[in-house]
């Protein structure tokens, strides 16, 4: 799953990655809110979203440095 997700992220353009980053930040906010009110049915979703956000930020940083990530 992670490898497929990473390939999909690498295929996105820089602007699309920035949009995805914003979506993930919003999603994390809502997941944390639901966790605090004990309405989060799948706690692993929080971990998954956090890791995906880290991947997106890494790709953006590599592209900003002119790295090999497309």
PDB file of N, CA and C in Angstrom:
ATOM      1  N   UNK A   1       0.831  -1.201   0.000  1.00  0.00           N
ATOM      2  CA  UNK A   1       0.000   0.000   0.000  1.00  0.00           C
ATOM      3  C   UNK A   1       0.872   1.260   0.000  1.00  0.00           C
ATOM      4  N   UNK A   2       1.873   1.291   0.858  1.00  0.00           N
ATOM      5  CA  UNK A   2       2.690   2.500   0.961  1.00  0.00           C
ATOM      6  C   UNK A   2       3.443   2.781  -0.326  1.00  0.00           C
ATOM      7  N   UNK A   3       3.938   1.728  -0.985  1.00  0.00           N
ATOM      8  CA  UNK A   3       4.703   1.915  -2.203  1.00  0.00           C
ATOM      9  C   UNK A   3       3.833   2.486  -3.310  1.00  0.00           C
ATOM     10  N   UNK A   4       2.613   1.981  -3.418  1.00  0.00           N
ATOM     11  CA  UNK A   4       1.678   2.488  -4.421  1.00  0.00           C
ATOM     12  C   UNK A   4       1.331   3.943  -4.124  1.00  0.00           C
ATOM     13  N   UNK A   5       1.114   4.235  -2.859  1.00  0.00           N
ATOM     14  CA  UNK A   5       0.789   5.606  -2.451  1.00  0.00           C
ATOM     15  C   UNK A   5       1.945   6.561  -2.767  1.00  0.00           C
ATOM     16  N   UNK A   6       3.161   6.119  -2.523  1.00  0.00           N
ATOM     17  CA  UNK A   6       4.326   6.955  -2.793  1.00  0.00           C
ATOM     18  C   UNK A   6       4.470   7.215  -4.289  1.00  0.00           C
ATOM     19  N   UNK A   7       4.230   6.196  -5.102  1.00  0.00           N
ATOM     20  CA  UNK A   7       4.303   6.375  -6.552  1.00  0.00           C
ATOM     21  C   UNK A   7       3.264   7.390  -7.013  1.00  0.00           C
ATOM     22  N   UNK A   8       2.063   7.295  -6.467  1.00  0.00           N
ATOM     23  CA  UNK A   8       1.002   8.240  -6.833  1.00  0.00           C
ATOM     24  C   UNK A   8       1.379   9.663  -6.438  1.00  0.00           C
ATOM     25  N   UNK A   9       1.974   9.818  -5.263  1.00  0.00           N
ATOM     26  CA  UNK A   9       2.379  11.149  -4.808  1.00  0.00           C
ATOM     27  C   UNK A   9       3.487  11.720  -5.687  1.00  0.00           C
ATOM     28  N   UNK A  10       4.424  10.876  -6.104  1.00  0.00           N
ATOM     29  CA  UNK A  10       5.532  11.342  -6.941  1.00  0.00           C
ATOM     30  C   UNK A  10       5.040  11.795  -8.309  1.00  0.00           C
ATOM     31  N   UNK A  11       3.927  11.238  -8.764  1.00  0.00           N
ATOM     32  CA  UNK A  11       3.387  11.607 -10.071  1.00  0.00           C
ATOM     33  C   UNK A  11       2.668  12.955 -10.046  1.00  0.00           C
ATOM     34  N   UNK A  12       2.322  13.442  -8.860  1.00  0.00           N
ATOM     35  CA  UNK A  12       1.618  14.712  -8.757  1.00  0.00           C
ATOM     36  C   UNK A  12       2.574  15.880  -9.002  1.00  0.00           C
ATOM     37  N   UNK A  13       2.026  16.969  -9.510  1.00  0.00           N
ATOM     38  CA  UNK A  13       2.807  18.177  -9.685  1.00  0.00           C
ATOM     39  C   UNK A  13       2.987  18.887  -8.353  1.00  0.00           C
ATOM     40  N   UNK A  14       3.821  19.896  -8.351  1.00  0.00           N
ATOM     41  CA  UNK A  14       4.116  20.620  -7.116  1.00  0.00           C
ATOM     42  C   UNK A  14       2.865  21.283  -6.547  1.00  0.00           C
ATOM     43  N   UNK A  15       2.071  21.916  -7.400  1.00  0.00           N
ATOM     44  CA  UNK A  15       0.847  22.567  -6.910  1.00  0.00           C
ATOM     45  C   UNK A  15      -0.144  21.546  -6.368  1.00  0.00           C
ATOM     46  N   UNK A  16      -0.241  20.408  -7.038  1.00  0.00           N
ATOM     47  CA  UNK A  16      -1.133  19.356  -6.554  1.00  0.00           C
ATOM     48  C   UNK A  16      -0.676  18.832  -5.199  1.00  0.00           C
ATOM     49  N   UNK A  17       0.642  18.747  -5.008  1.00  0.00           N
ATOM     50  CA  UNK A  17       1.174  18.314  -3.714  1.00  0.00           C
ATOM     51  C   UNK A  17       0.844  19.329  -2.623  1.00  0.00           C
ATOM     52  N   UNK A  18       0.919  20.599  -2.960  1.00  0.00           N
ATOM     53  CA  UNK A  18       0.578  21.632  -1.963  1.00  0.00           C
ATOM     54  C   UNK A  18      -0.899  21.541  -1.579  1.00  0.00           C
ATOM     55  N   UNK A  19      -1.747  21.274  -2.553  1.00  0.00           N
ATOM     56  CA  UNK A  19      -3.184  21.107  -2.274  1.00  0.00           C
ATOM     57  C   UNK A  19      -3.392  19.886  -1.392  1.00  0.00           C
ATOM     58  N   UNK A  20      -2.705  18.789  -1.710  1.00  0.00           N
ATOM     59  CA  UNK A  20      -2.816  17.557  -0.918  1.00  0.00           C
ATOM     60  C   UNK A  20      -2.314  17.795   0.504  1.00  0.00           C
ATOM     61  N   UNK A  21      -1.247  18.575   0.642  1.00  0.00           N
ATOM     62  CA  UNK A  21      -0.713  18.904   1.970  1.00  0.00           C
ATOM     63  C   UNK A  21      -1.765  19.638   2.798  1.00  0.00           C
ATOM     64  N   UNK A  22      -2.420  20.617   2.190  1.00  0.00           N
ATOM     65  CA  UNK A  22      -3.446  21.379   2.904  1.00  0.00           C
ATOM     66  C   UNK A  22      -4.616  20.480   3.306  1.00  0.00           C
ATOM     67  N   UNK A  23      -5.015  19.577   2.407  1.00  0.00           N
ATOM     68  CA  UNK A  23      -6.104  18.643   2.708  1.00  0.00           C
ATOM     69  C   UNK A  23      -5.735  17.749   3.887  1.00  0.00           C
ATOM     70  N   UNK A  24      -4.501  17.281   3.913  1.00  0.00           N
ATOM     71  CA  UNK A  24      -4.058  16.402   4.998  1.00  0.00           C
ATOM     72  C   UNK A  24      -3.980  17.139   6.324  1.00  0.00           C
ATOM     73  N   UNK A  25      -3.554  18.396   6.303  1.00  0.00           N
ATOM     74  CA  UNK A  25      -3.512  19.184   7.542  1.00  0.00           C
ATOM     75  C   UNK A  25      -4.931  19.344   8.097  1.00  0.00           C
ATOM     76  N   UNK A  26      -5.865  19.636   7.212  1.00  0.00           N
ATOM     77  CA  UNK A  26      -7.264  19.772   7.640  1.00  0.00           C
ATOM     78  C   UNK A  26      -7.811  18.440   8.165  1.00  0.00           C
ATOM     79  N   UNK A  27      -7.486  17.365   7.461  1.00  0.00           N
ATOM     80  CA  UNK A  27      -7.948  16.042   7.884  1.00  0.00           C
ATOM     81  C   UNK A  27      -7.392  15.683   9.261  1.00  0.00           C
ATOM     82  N   UNK A  28      -6.115  15.974   9.480  1.00  0.00           N
ATOM     83  CA  UNK A  28      -5.509  15.691  10.782  1.00  0.00           C
ATOM     84  C   UNK A  28      -6.175  16.486  11.900  1.00  0.00           C
ATOM     85  N   UNK A  29      -6.497  17.731  11.611  1.00  0.00           N
ATOM     86  CA  UNK A  29      -7.180  18.544  12.606  1.00  0.00           C
ATOM     87  C   UNK A  29      -8.504  17.897  13.010  1.00  0.00           C
ATOM     88  N   UNK A  30      -9.275  17.492  12.016  1.00  0.00           N
ATOM     89  CA  UNK A  30     -10.579  16.888  12.301  1.00  0.00           C
ATOM     90  C   UNK A  30     -10.441  15.527  12.988  1.00  0.00           C
ATOM     91  N   UNK A  31      -9.427  14.763  12.606  1.00  0.00           N
ATOM     92  CA  UNK A  31      -9.207  13.473  13.269  1.00  0.00           C
ATOM     93  C   UNK A  31      -8.814  13.657  14.728  1.00  0.00           C
ATOM     94  N   UNK A  32      -7.968  14.649  14.997  1.00  0.00           N
ATOM     95  CA  UNK A  32      -7.581  14.913  16.390  1.00  0.00           C
ATOM     96  C   UNK A  32      -8.780  15.377  17.207  1.00  0.00           C
ATOM     97  N   UNK A  33      -9.609  16.185  16.604  1.00  0.00           N
ATOM     98  CA  UNK A  33     -10.812  16.656  17.288  1.00  0.00           C
ATOM     99  C   UNK A  33     -11.730  15.474  17.612  1.00  0.00           C
ATOM    100  N   UNK A  34     -11.913  14.589  16.642  1.00  0.00           N
ATOM    101  CA  UNK A  34     -12.764  13.419  16.867  1.00  0.00           C
ATOM    102  C   UNK A  34     -12.153  12.484  17.900  1.00  0.00           C
ATOM    103  N   UNK A  35     -10.811  12.382  17.915  1.00  0.00           N
ATOM    104  CA  UNK A  35     -10.158  11.541  18.921  1.00  0.00           C
ATOM    105  C   UNK A  35     -10.377  12.130  20.316  1.00  0.00           C
ATOM    106  N   UNK A  36     -10.287  13.436  20.434  1.00  0.00           N
ATOM    107  CA  UNK A  36     -10.452  14.094  21.733  1.00  0.00           C
ATOM    108  C   UNK A  36     -11.866  13.926  22.272  1.00  0.00           C
ATOM    109  N   UNK A  37     -12.838  13.863  21.371  1.00  0.00           N
ATOM    110  CA  UNK A  37     -14.228  13.689  21.805  1.00  0.00           C
ATOM    111  C   UNK A  37     -14.644  12.219  21.774  1.00  0.00           C
ATOM    112  N   UNK A  38     -13.654  11.332  21.586  1.00  0.00           N
ATOM    113  CA  UNK A  38     -13.849   9.882  21.578  1.00  0.00           C
ATOM    114  C   UNK A  38     -14.858   9.430  20.522  1.00  0.00           C
ATOM    115  N   UNK A  39     -14.799  10.048  19.347  1.00  0.00           N
ATOM    116  CA  UNK A  39     -15.672   9.665  18.249  1.00  0.00           C
ATOM    117  C   UNK A  39     -14.885   9.079  17.082  1.00  0.00           C
ATOM    118  N   UNK A  40     -13.615   8.810  17.295  1.00  0.00           N
ATOM    119  CA  UNK A  40     -12.766   8.278  16.231  1.00  0.00           C
ATOM    120  C   UNK A  40     -12.865   6.756  16.236  1.00  0.00           C
ATOM    121  N   UNK A  41     -13.438   6.206  15.176  1.00  0.00           N
ATOM    122  CA  UNK A  41     -13.657   4.765  15.125  1.00  0.00           C
ATOM    123  C   UNK A  41     -12.391   3.991  14.741  1.00  0.00           C
ATOM    124  N   UNK A  42     -11.505   4.606  13.949  1.00  0.00           N
ATOM    125  CA  UNK A  42     -10.294   3.928  13.517  1.00  0.00           C
ATOM    126  C   UNK A  42      -9.071   4.785  13.866  1.00  0.00           C
ATOM    127  N   UNK A  43      -8.434   4.527  14.991  1.00  0.00           N
ATOM    128  CA  UNK A  43      -7.296   5.344  15.411  1.00  0.00           C
ATOM    129  C   UNK A  43      -6.094   5.247  14.470  1.00  0.00           C
ATOM    130  N   UNK A  44      -6.008   4.185  13.679  1.00  0.00           N
ATOM    131  CA  UNK A  44      -4.895   4.047  12.741  1.00  0.00           C
ATOM    132  C   UNK A  44      -4.997   5.045  11.597  1.00  0.00           C
ATOM    133  N   UNK A  45      -6.172   5.592  11.367  1.00  0.00           N
ATOM    134  CA  UNK A  45      -6.340   6.604  10.324  1.00  0.00           C
ATOM    135  C   UNK A  45      -5.511   7.836  10.653  1.00  0.00           C
ATOM    136  N   UNK A  46      -5.407   8.184  11.918  1.00  0.00           N
ATOM    137  CA  UNK A  46      -4.605   9.327  12.365  1.00  0.00           C
ATOM    138  C   UNK A  46      -3.133   9.094  12.022  1.00  0.00           C
ATOM    139  N   UNK A  47      -2.636   7.924  12.322  1.00  0.00           N
ATOM    140  CA  UNK A  47      -1.239   7.584  12.049  1.00  0.00           C
ATOM    141  C   UNK A  47      -0.964   7.589  10.545  1.00  0.00           C
ATOM    142  N   UNK A  48      -1.857   7.006   9.793  1.00  0.00           N
ATOM    143  CA  UNK A  48      -1.710   6.939   8.340  1.00  0.00           C
ATOM    144  C   UNK A  48      -1.685   8.334   7.719  1.00  0.00           C
ATOM    145  N   UNK A  49      -2.574   9.199   8.154  1.00  0.00           N
ATOM    146  CA  UNK A  49      -2.633  10.559   7.617  1.00  0.00           C
ATOM    147  C   UNK A  49      -1.381  11.344   7.971  1.00  0.00           C
ATOM    148  N   UNK A  50      -0.886  11.151   9.181  1.00  0.00           N
ATOM    149  CA  UNK A  50       0.316  11.849   9.621  1.00  0.00           C
ATOM    150  C   UNK A  50       1.528  11.424   8.775  1.00  0.00           C
ATOM    151  N   UNK A  51       1.616  10.145   8.482  1.00  0.00           N
ATOM    152  CA  UNK A  51       2.734   9.647   7.679  1.00  0.00           C
ATOM    153  C   UNK A  51       2.631  10.101   6.225  1.00  0.00           C
ATOM    154  N   UNK A  52       1.418  10.127   5.696  1.00  0.00           N
ATOM    155  CA  UNK A  52       1.232  10.604   4.331  1.00  0.00           C
ATOM    156  C   UNK A  52       1.614  12.073   4.232  1.00  0.00           C
ATOM    157  N   UNK A  53       1.241  12.860   5.231  1.00  0.00           N
ATOM    158  CA  UNK A  53       1.616  14.269   5.258  1.00  0.00           C
ATOM    159  C   UNK A  53       3.139  14.416   5.276  1.00  0.00           C
ATOM    160  N   UNK A  54       3.816  13.578   6.031  1.00  0.00           N
ATOM    161  CA  UNK A  54       5.280  13.628   6.074  1.00  0.00           C
ATOM    162  C   UNK A  54       5.869  13.306   4.704  1.00  0.00           C
ATOM    163  N   UNK A  55       5.284  12.342   4.010  1.00  0.00           N
ATOM    164  CA  UNK A  55       5.767  12.003   2.668  1.00  0.00           C
ATOM    165  C   UNK A  55       5.595  13.176   1.706  1.00  0.00           C
ATOM    166  N   UNK A  56       4.434  13.818   1.782  1.00  0.00           N
ATOM    167  CA  UNK A  56       4.171  14.967   0.913  1.00  0.00           C
ATOM    168  C   UNK A  56       5.159  16.088   1.204  1.00  0.00           C
ATOM    169  N   UNK A  57       5.387  16.378   2.473  1.00  0.00           N
ATOM    170  CA  UNK A  57       6.328  17.440   2.839  1.00  0.00           C
ATOM    171  C   UNK A  57       7.742  17.110   2.392  1.00  0.00           C
ATOM    172  N   UNK A  58       8.123  15.834   2.465  1.00  0.00           N
ATOM    173  CA  UNK A  58       9.443  15.419   2.015  1.00  0.00           C
ATOM    174  C   UNK A  58       9.595  15.643   0.514  1.00  0.00           C
ATOM    175  N   UNK A  59       8.591  15.254  -0.254  1.00  0.00           N
ATOM    176  CA  UNK A  59       8.639  15.462  -1.707  1.00  0.00           C
ATOM    177  C   UNK A  59       8.718  16.944  -2.055  1.00  0.00           C
ATOM    178  N   UNK A  60       7.954  17.767  -1.350  1.00  0.00           N
ATOM    179  CA  UNK A  60       7.997  19.206  -1.605  1.00  0.00           C
ATOM    180  C   UNK A  60       9.378  19.784  -1.281  1.00  0.00           C
ATOM    181  N   UNK A  61       9.976  19.324  -0.198  1.00  0.00           N
ATOM    182  CA  UNK A  61      11.305  19.808   0.180  1.00  0.00           C
ATOM    183  C   UNK A  61      12.348  19.383  -0.844  1.00  0.00           C
ATOM    184  N   UNK A  62      12.235  18.162  -1.335  1.00  0.00           N
ATOM    185  CA  UNK A  62      13.182  17.686  -2.343  1.00  0.00           C
ATOM    186  C   UNK A  62      13.057  18.500  -3.619  1.00  0.00           C
ATOM    187  N   UNK A  63      11.848  18.809  -4.001  1.00  0.00           N
ATOM    188  CA  UNK A  63      11.629  19.592  -5.216  1.00  0.00           C
ATOM    189  C   UNK A  63      12.121  21.023  -5.043  1.00  0.00           C
ATOM    190  N   UNK A  64      11.990  21.562  -3.850  1.00  0.00           N
ATOM    191  CA  UNK A  64      12.469  22.917  -3.587  1.00  0.00           C
ATOM    192  C   UNK A  64      13.990  22.979  -3.692  1.00  0.00           C
ATOM    193  N   UNK A  65      14.655  21.892  -3.346  1.00  0.00           N
ATOM    194  CA  UNK A  65      16.118  21.830  -3.428  1.00  0.00           C
ATOM    195  C   UNK A  65      16.582  21.398  -4.809  1.00  0.00           C
ATOM    196  N   UNK A  66      15.633  21.106  -5.680  1.00  0.00           N
ATOM    197  CA  UNK A  66      16.003  20.637  -7.006  1.00  0.00           C
ATOM    198  C   UNK A  66      16.431  19.199  -7.012  1.00  0.00           C
ATOM    199  N   UNK A  67      15.868  18.422  -6.093  1.00  0.00           N
ATOM    200  CA  UNK A  67      16.216  17.009  -5.954  1.00  0.00           C
ATOM    201  C   UNK A  67      15.686  16.149  -7.068  1.00  0.00           C
ATOM    202  N   UNK A  68      15.824  14.870  -6.897  1.00  0.00           N
ATOM    203  CA  UNK A  68      15.493  13.916  -7.949  1.00  0.00           C
ATOM    204  C   UNK A  68      14.017  13.532  -7.967  1.00  0.00           C
ATOM    205  N   UNK A  69      13.216  14.044  -7.079  1.00  0.00           N
ATOM    206  CA  UNK A  69      11.796  13.663  -7.009  1.00  0.00           C
ATOM    207  C   UNK A  69      10.975  14.441  -8.018  1.00  0.00           C
ATOM    208  N   UNK A  70      11.294  14.235  -9.281  1.00  0.00           N
ATOM    209  CA  UNK A  70      10.589  14.816 -10.431  1.00  0.00           C
ATOM    210  C   UNK A  70      10.795  16.265 -10.541  1.00  0.00           C
TER     211      UNK A  70
END
